[in-house]
């Protein structure tokens, strides 16, 4: 077997086209006729030719690589969203490198040097925190960043989230309409904007109806901690309804209520959550939850990032996508309720 490197000149000669035509065929977004593309790809396959992506990047100044940073994958929302992000970016001619950040802090400063070493064209940070120092470093390097499912109190960073405040408000109005008055909340990690905004929207709507939280515990977006929070919340004077900050925790809360503490859902306590991951629709959970519209979130994230790559002077954007309440069987349904 020969170790000789097949070149684009050899492909061009076999296909009967110019070397520049070969380059256009293998350059995402470049123009080449179907006839030329078919001839070049047939010749490349026959010779076993693969284009040198790194060499092309050195010439163009673009690596066509996007760094995707995530903190954890246990929550079903993230594997699904990551698959959608990767698919959409690949359709646009980009490759995705996934980097894992700290689970405890969700801060990506510790991996930024590694990310930038790969000469990425852009970064998507999925539910991780970003320091102002890191944002400045990336900006100086000409690498745009978009936060996915997380926002920060800065107009200098682009972000795409659900409308978490409105989603929390919807849950409160739904529970109040169902006749609940002793309403509890199990929070996620308190450093997350998603957690903060969902709770603020929820509590604001309760207060507007003359109610306040009956009980509050923290589950940190971790199943085991959510189970412990449930035991504390229901140890005495239990609520008759609970809003849980995401589905991942809500599954643990429901299991603890039914199989450990002996409560019936929804007869004894209504349970509502946020995300609408696939398991929420399983008959075992049948969870009423606010749906994060991942397809729309992904499409907006990819559009913002690629627009900023093409025009590095483009202004940052903060997008909040409407999130509908999906009514199932885990909570009492108000009479005449129209979602």
Protein backbone atom coordinates (compact mmCIF):
# COMPACT_ATOMS: atom_id res chain seq x y z
CA UNK A 1 0.00 0.00 0.00
CA UNK A 2 1.45 3.35 -1.02
CA UNK A 3 1.87 6.14 1.54
CA UNK A 4 2.01 8.78 -1.23
CA UNK A 5 -0.19 11.78 -0.51
CA UNK A 6 -2.79 12.34 -3.20
CA UNK A 7 -2.86 15.98 -4.33
CA UNK A 8 -5.53 18.21 -5.77
CA UNK A 9 -3.45 18.43 -8.96
CA UNK A 10 -3.85 14.68 -9.46
CA UNK A 11 -7.60 14.93 -8.89
CA UNK A 12 -7.83 17.80 -11.36
CA UNK A 13 -5.90 15.83 -13.99
CA UNK A 14 -8.10 12.74 -13.63
CA UNK A 15 -11.31 14.79 -13.64
CA UNK A 16 -10.18 16.92 -16.57
CA UNK A 17 -10.70 20.21 -14.71
CA UNK A 18 -8.50 22.94 -13.27
CA UNK A 19 -7.01 22.77 -9.78
CA UNK A 20 -9.09 25.83 -8.82
CA UNK A 21 -12.23 23.88 -9.76
CA UNK A 22 -11.21 21.12 -7.35
CA UNK A 23 -10.70 23.74 -4.66
CA UNK A 24 -14.16 25.22 -5.28
CA UNK A 25 -15.83 21.82 -5.04
CA UNK A 26 -14.32 21.18 -1.61
CA UNK A 27 -14.78 24.70 -0.25
CA UNK A 28 -18.10 25.17 1.61
CA UNK A 29 -20.12 27.96 0.05
CA UNK A 30 -18.02 28.15 -3.13
CA UNK A 31 -19.67 27.94 -6.54
CA UNK A 32 -19.23 24.91 -8.80
CA UNK A 33 -21.56 23.39 -11.38
CA UNK A 34 -23.17 20.01 -10.72
CA UNK A 35 -21.29 18.53 -13.68
CA UNK A 36 -17.94 19.73 -12.35
CA UNK A 37 -18.78 18.66 -8.79
CA UNK A 38 -19.74 15.16 -9.93
CA UNK A 39 -16.54 14.73 -11.97
CA UNK A 40 -14.30 16.02 -9.19
CA UNK A 41 -15.92 13.91 -6.46
CA UNK A 42 -15.77 10.80 -8.64
CA UNK A 43 -12.06 11.36 -9.30
CA UNK A 44 -11.39 12.10 -5.63
CA UNK A 45 -13.13 8.89 -4.56
CA UNK A 46 -11.21 6.87 -7.13
CA UNK A 47 -7.86 8.25 -5.94
CA UNK A 48 -8.74 8.33 -2.23
CA UNK A 49 -8.21 12.09 -2.04
CA UNK A 50 -9.19 14.08 1.05
CA UNK A 51 -8.86 17.90 1.07
CA UNK A 52 -6.40 19.39 3.56
CA UNK A 53 -8.75 21.37 5.79
CA UNK A 54 -5.96 22.79 7.94
CA UNK A 55 -4.01 24.05 4.95
CA UNK A 56 -7.13 25.67 3.54
CA UNK A 57 -7.77 27.32 6.89
CA UNK A 58 -4.25 28.80 6.92
CA UNK A 59 -4.88 30.34 3.51
CA UNK A 60 -8.41 31.59 4.19
CA UNK A 61 -7.91 32.57 7.84
CA UNK A 62 -11.03 30.54 8.71
CA UNK A 63 -10.91 27.15 10.40
CA UNK A 64 -14.62 26.41 9.84
CA UNK A 65 -14.60 25.08 13.41
CA UNK A 66 -17.05 26.12 16.14
CA UNK A 67 -16.25 25.46 19.78
CA UNK A 68 -19.31 24.21 21.68
CA UNK A 69 -18.95 24.35 25.46
CA UNK A 70 -21.25 22.43 27.82
CA UNK A 71 -21.12 21.78 31.55
CA UNK A 72 -23.07 18.54 31.81
CA UNK A 73 -25.10 16.16 29.69
CA UNK A 74 -27.30 14.41 32.27
CA UNK A 75 -30.25 16.69 31.49
CA UNK A 76 -31.97 15.30 28.38
CA UNK A 77 -32.41 18.82 27.01
CA UNK A 78 -28.69 19.20 26.24
CA UNK A 79 -27.89 16.08 24.17
CA UNK A 80 -30.89 16.91 21.99
CA UNK A 81 -29.90 20.58 21.66
CA UNK A 82 -26.25 19.72 20.97
CA UNK A 83 -27.27 17.32 18.20
CA UNK A 84 -29.45 20.03 16.65
CA UNK A 85 -26.69 22.65 16.92
CA UNK A 86 -24.12 20.31 15.35
CA UNK A 87 -26.46 19.36 12.50
CA UNK A 88 -27.32 22.96 11.66
CA UNK A 89 -23.68 24.08 11.75
CA UNK A 90 -22.58 21.15 9.58
CA UNK A 91 -25.21 22.11 7.02
CA UNK A 92 -23.50 25.51 6.87
CA UNK A 93 -20.07 23.95 6.32
CA UNK A 94 -18.79 24.13 9.91
CA UNK A 95 -17.38 21.42 12.15
CA UNK A 96 -18.07 21.29 15.88
CA UNK A 97 -15.60 20.60 18.69
CA UNK A 98 -17.22 19.93 22.07
CA UNK A 99 -15.50 21.08 25.24
CA UNK A 100 -16.65 20.18 28.76
CA UNK A 101 -16.48 22.85 31.47
CA UNK A 102 -16.74 22.56 35.23
CA UNK A 103 -19.96 20.99 36.51
CA UNK A 104 -19.70 22.79 39.82
CA UNK A 105 -19.37 26.35 38.58
CA UNK A 106 -20.32 26.06 34.92
CA UNK A 107 -17.53 28.57 34.20
CA UNK A 108 -15.58 28.14 30.95
CA UNK A 109 -12.57 30.34 31.76
CA UNK A 110 -10.53 27.23 32.51
CA UNK A 111 -10.98 25.86 28.98
CA UNK A 112 -10.77 29.08 26.98
CA UNK A 113 -7.07 28.74 26.17
CA UNK A 114 -7.66 25.26 24.78
CA UNK A 115 -10.62 26.51 22.75
CA UNK A 116 -8.66 29.41 21.24
CA UNK A 117 -5.69 27.11 20.50
CA UNK A 118 -7.90 25.35 17.96
CA UNK A 119 -8.34 28.62 16.08
CA UNK A 120 -12.12 28.32 16.26
CA UNK A 121 -14.19 30.77 14.24
CA UNK A 122 -16.79 31.10 16.99
CA UNK A 123 -17.95 29.76 20.35
CA UNK A 124 -21.35 28.62 21.58
CA UNK A 125 -21.54 28.41 25.37
CA UNK A 126 -24.45 26.20 26.41
CA UNK A 127 -25.62 26.93 29.96
CA UNK A 128 -22.22 27.98 31.22
CA UNK A 129 -21.03 31.18 32.82
CA UNK A 130 -18.72 33.63 31.12
CA UNK A 131 -16.49 36.15 32.88
CA UNK A 132 -16.08 39.65 31.46
CA UNK A 133 -12.34 38.94 31.16
CA UNK A 134 -13.00 35.92 28.97
CA UNK A 135 -15.44 37.81 26.81
CA UNK A 136 -12.84 40.55 26.28
CA UNK A 137 -10.14 38.02 25.38
CA UNK A 138 -12.32 36.35 22.80
CA UNK A 139 -13.35 39.71 21.39
CA UNK A 140 -9.68 40.70 21.03
CA UNK A 141 -9.02 37.40 19.26
CA UNK A 142 -11.88 38.10 16.85
CA UNK A 143 -13.87 35.10 18.06
CA UNK A 144 -17.60 35.82 18.54
CA UNK A 145 -19.51 34.08 21.35
CA UNK A 146 -23.21 33.29 21.68
CA UNK A 147 -24.67 32.07 24.97
CA UNK A 148 -27.23 29.29 24.52
CA UNK A 149 -29.92 28.78 27.19
CA UNK A 150 -28.15 31.25 29.44
CA UNK A 151 -28.05 35.04 29.57
CA UNK A 152 -25.86 37.52 31.38
CA UNK A 153 -26.45 41.03 32.64
CA UNK A 154 -24.51 42.57 29.79
CA UNK A 155 -25.52 44.01 26.45
CA UNK A 156 -22.10 43.11 25.04
CA UNK A 157 -22.82 39.38 24.81
CA UNK A 158 -25.27 37.70 22.47
CA UNK A 159 -27.61 35.19 24.04
CA UNK A 160 -30.53 32.97 23.09
CA UNK A 161 -32.90 31.70 25.77
CA UNK A 162 -36.52 30.84 26.28
CA UNK A 163 -38.63 33.60 27.76
CA UNK A 164 -38.04 32.19 31.23
CA UNK A 165 -39.77 35.02 33.10
CA UNK A 166 -42.96 34.61 31.07
CA UNK A 167 -42.76 30.83 31.42
CA UNK A 168 -42.57 31.08 35.20
CA UNK A 169 -45.51 33.47 35.19
CA UNK A 170 -47.60 31.03 33.16
CA UNK A 171 -46.96 28.27 35.70
CA UNK A 172 -48.08 30.48 38.60
CA UNK A 173 -51.28 31.52 36.85
CA UNK A 174 -52.02 27.89 35.94
CA UNK A 175 -51.60 26.68 39.52
CA UNK A 176 -53.61 29.56 40.96
CA UNK A 177 -56.42 28.91 38.46
CA UNK A 178 -56.40 25.30 39.64
CA UNK A 179 -57.29 26.44 43.15
CA UNK A 180 -53.84 26.01 44.71
CA UNK A 181 -52.81 28.38 47.49
CA UNK A 182 -49.95 26.55 49.24
CA UNK A 183 -47.45 26.61 46.40
CA UNK A 184 -43.80 25.60 46.67
CA UNK A 185 -40.77 26.05 44.41
CA UNK A 186 -37.66 23.88 43.98
CA UNK A 187 -34.91 26.02 42.51
CA UNK A 188 -32.03 25.04 40.25
CA UNK A 189 -28.46 26.30 40.53
CA UNK A 190 -28.84 29.85 41.80
CA UNK A 191 -26.02 31.18 39.65
CA UNK A 192 -27.97 30.43 36.47
CA UNK A 193 -29.95 33.13 34.71
CA UNK A 194 -32.50 30.52 33.67
CA UNK A 195 -33.15 29.62 37.30
CA UNK A 196 -33.33 33.25 38.37
CA UNK A 197 -35.70 34.36 35.62
CA UNK A 198 -38.04 31.40 36.01
CA UNK A 199 -38.32 32.00 39.73
CA UNK A 200 -38.75 35.77 39.43
CA UNK A 201 -41.53 35.34 36.85
CA UNK A 202 -43.20 32.72 39.03
CA UNK A 203 -43.02 34.68 42.28
CA UNK A 204 -44.05 37.95 40.60
CA UNK A 205 -47.26 36.34 39.29
CA UNK A 206 -47.96 34.81 42.72
CA UNK A 207 -47.52 38.20 44.37
CA UNK A 208 -49.80 39.87 41.85
CA UNK A 209 -52.50 37.38 42.90
CA UNK A 210 -51.92 38.19 46.59
CA UNK A 211 -49.91 35.02 47.28
CA UNK A 212 -46.35 34.28 48.31
CA UNK A 213 -44.25 31.12 48.18
CA UNK A 214 -45.41 28.61 50.77
CA UNK A 215 -42.06 26.79 50.67
CA UNK A 216 -38.75 26.98 48.80
CA UNK A 217 -35.85 24.58 48.47
CA UNK A 218 -32.81 24.32 46.18
CA UNK A 219 -32.05 21.30 43.99
CA UNK A 220 -29.14 22.76 41.97
CA UNK A 221 -30.38 21.04 38.78
CA UNK A 222 -29.19 17.72 40.29
CA UNK A 223 -31.53 14.76 40.76
CA UNK A 224 -30.15 13.65 44.12
CA UNK A 225 -30.34 17.17 45.52
CA UNK A 226 -33.86 17.58 44.17
CA UNK A 227 -34.93 14.43 46.01
CA UNK A 228 -33.41 15.75 49.23
CA UNK A 229 -35.15 19.11 48.67
CA UNK A 230 -38.45 17.28 48.28
CA UNK A 231 -38.01 15.44 51.58
CA UNK A 232 -37.29 18.71 53.36
CA UNK A 233 -40.21 20.52 51.75
CA UNK A 234 -42.74 17.83 52.61
CA UNK A 235 -41.49 17.02 56.11
CA UNK A 236 -44.14 19.30 57.65
CA UNK A 237 -46.96 21.53 56.37
CA UNK A 238 -46.48 20.33 52.78
CA UNK A 239 -47.55 22.43 49.79
CA UNK A 240 -50.41 21.36 47.54
CA UNK A 241 -48.49 22.30 44.39
CA UNK A 242 -44.83 22.56 43.41
CA UNK A 243 -43.07 24.25 40.51
CA UNK A 244 -39.69 22.62 39.79
CA UNK A 245 -37.09 24.63 37.84
CA UNK A 246 -36.48 21.92 35.23
CA UNK A 247 -37.69 18.49 34.14
CA UNK A 248 -34.45 16.76 35.10
CA UNK A 249 -35.14 17.56 38.76
CA UNK A 250 -38.90 17.12 38.41
CA UNK A 251 -38.55 13.42 37.60
CA UNK A 252 -36.69 12.90 40.88
CA UNK A 253 -39.22 15.05 42.76
CA UNK A 254 -42.15 13.04 41.39
CA UNK A 255 -40.50 9.70 42.17
CA UNK A 256 -39.76 10.82 45.73
CA UNK A 257 -43.32 12.07 46.25
CA UNK A 258 -44.97 8.92 44.96
CA UNK A 259 -42.67 6.08 45.97
CA UNK A 260 -40.89 7.42 49.05
CA UNK A 261 -43.29 9.86 50.71
CA UNK A 262 -46.61 8.34 49.66
CA UNK A 263 -48.14 11.40 47.96
CA UNK A 264 -50.38 11.02 44.92
CA UNK A 265 -49.68 13.19 41.88
CA UNK A 266 -51.82 15.16 41.08
CA UNK A 267 -54.50 14.17 43.63
CA UNK A 268 -52.47 15.26 46.67
CA UNK A 269 -49.98 17.59 45.04
CA UNK A 270 -49.73 19.14 41.58
CA UNK A 271 -46.33 19.19 39.89
CA UNK A 272 -45.24 21.49 37.04
CA UNK A 273 -41.79 21.91 35.52
CA UNK A 274 -39.78 23.50 32.68
CA UNK A 275 -38.09 22.12 29.50
CA UNK A 276 -40.41 19.42 28.06
CA UNK A 277 -37.69 16.85 27.42
CA UNK A 278 -38.85 13.61 25.73
CA UNK A 279 -39.33 11.72 29.01
CA UNK A 280 -41.84 14.32 30.19
CA UNK A 281 -44.39 12.80 27.80
CA UNK A 282 -43.81 9.23 28.99
CA UNK A 283 -46.89 7.76 30.68
CA UNK A 284 -44.82 7.14 33.83
CA UNK A 285 -44.43 10.92 34.30
CA UNK A 286 -47.05 12.60 32.08
CA UNK A 287 -45.50 15.86 33.21
CA UNK A 288 -47.09 19.28 32.79
CA UNK A 289 -44.19 21.51 31.81
CA UNK A 290 -43.13 24.64 29.95
CA UNK A 291 -41.65 23.72 26.57
CA UNK A 292 -38.28 25.06 25.50
CA UNK A 293 -38.55 25.29 21.71
CA UNK A 294 -35.11 23.88 20.97
CA UNK A 295 -35.44 24.06 17.17
CA UNK A 296 -36.12 27.81 17.27
CA UNK A 297 -33.42 28.40 19.88
CA UNK A 298 -30.85 26.51 17.78
CA UNK A 299 -31.80 28.28 14.55
CA UNK A 300 -31.49 31.70 16.20
CA UNK A 301 -28.17 30.79 17.86
CA UNK A 302 -26.62 29.60 14.59
CA UNK A 303 -27.88 32.65 12.70
CA UNK A 304 -26.48 35.13 15.24
CA UNK A 305 -23.11 33.37 15.47
CA UNK A 306 -22.54 33.00 11.73
CA UNK A 307 -23.68 36.58 11.08
CA UNK A 308 -21.10 37.76 13.60
CA UNK A 309 -18.40 35.58 12.03
CA UNK A 310 -19.17 37.12 8.64
CA UNK A 311 -19.36 40.64 10.11
CA UNK A 312 -17.35 40.99 13.30
CA UNK A 313 -18.68 44.51 13.81
CA UNK A 314 -22.24 43.32 14.14
CA UNK A 315 -24.02 44.30 17.36
CA UNK A 316 -24.77 41.69 20.00
CA UNK A 317 -28.33 40.42 20.35
CA UNK A 318 -30.34 39.08 23.28
CA UNK A 319 -33.20 36.86 22.12
CA UNK A 320 -35.89 35.32 24.35
CA UNK A 321 -38.15 32.82 22.59
CA UNK A 322 -41.71 32.23 23.72
CA UNK A 323 -42.23 29.02 25.71
CA UNK A 324 -45.71 27.44 25.82
CA UNK A 325 -47.13 25.55 28.79
CA UNK A 326 -47.77 21.92 27.85
CA UNK A 327 -50.62 20.61 30.00
CA UNK A 328 -50.53 16.90 30.83
CA UNK A 329 -51.58 14.91 33.87
CA UNK A 330 -49.17 15.79 36.67
CA UNK A 331 -51.12 18.83 37.81
CA UNK A 332 -54.76 19.67 38.45
CA UNK A 333 -56.23 21.18 35.30
CA UNK A 334 -58.34 24.29 36.01
CA UNK A 335 -61.92 24.10 34.84
CA UNK A 336 -62.24 25.68 31.42
CA UNK A 337 -58.46 26.14 31.13
CA UNK A 338 -57.32 27.16 27.66
CA UNK A 339 -53.57 26.91 27.23
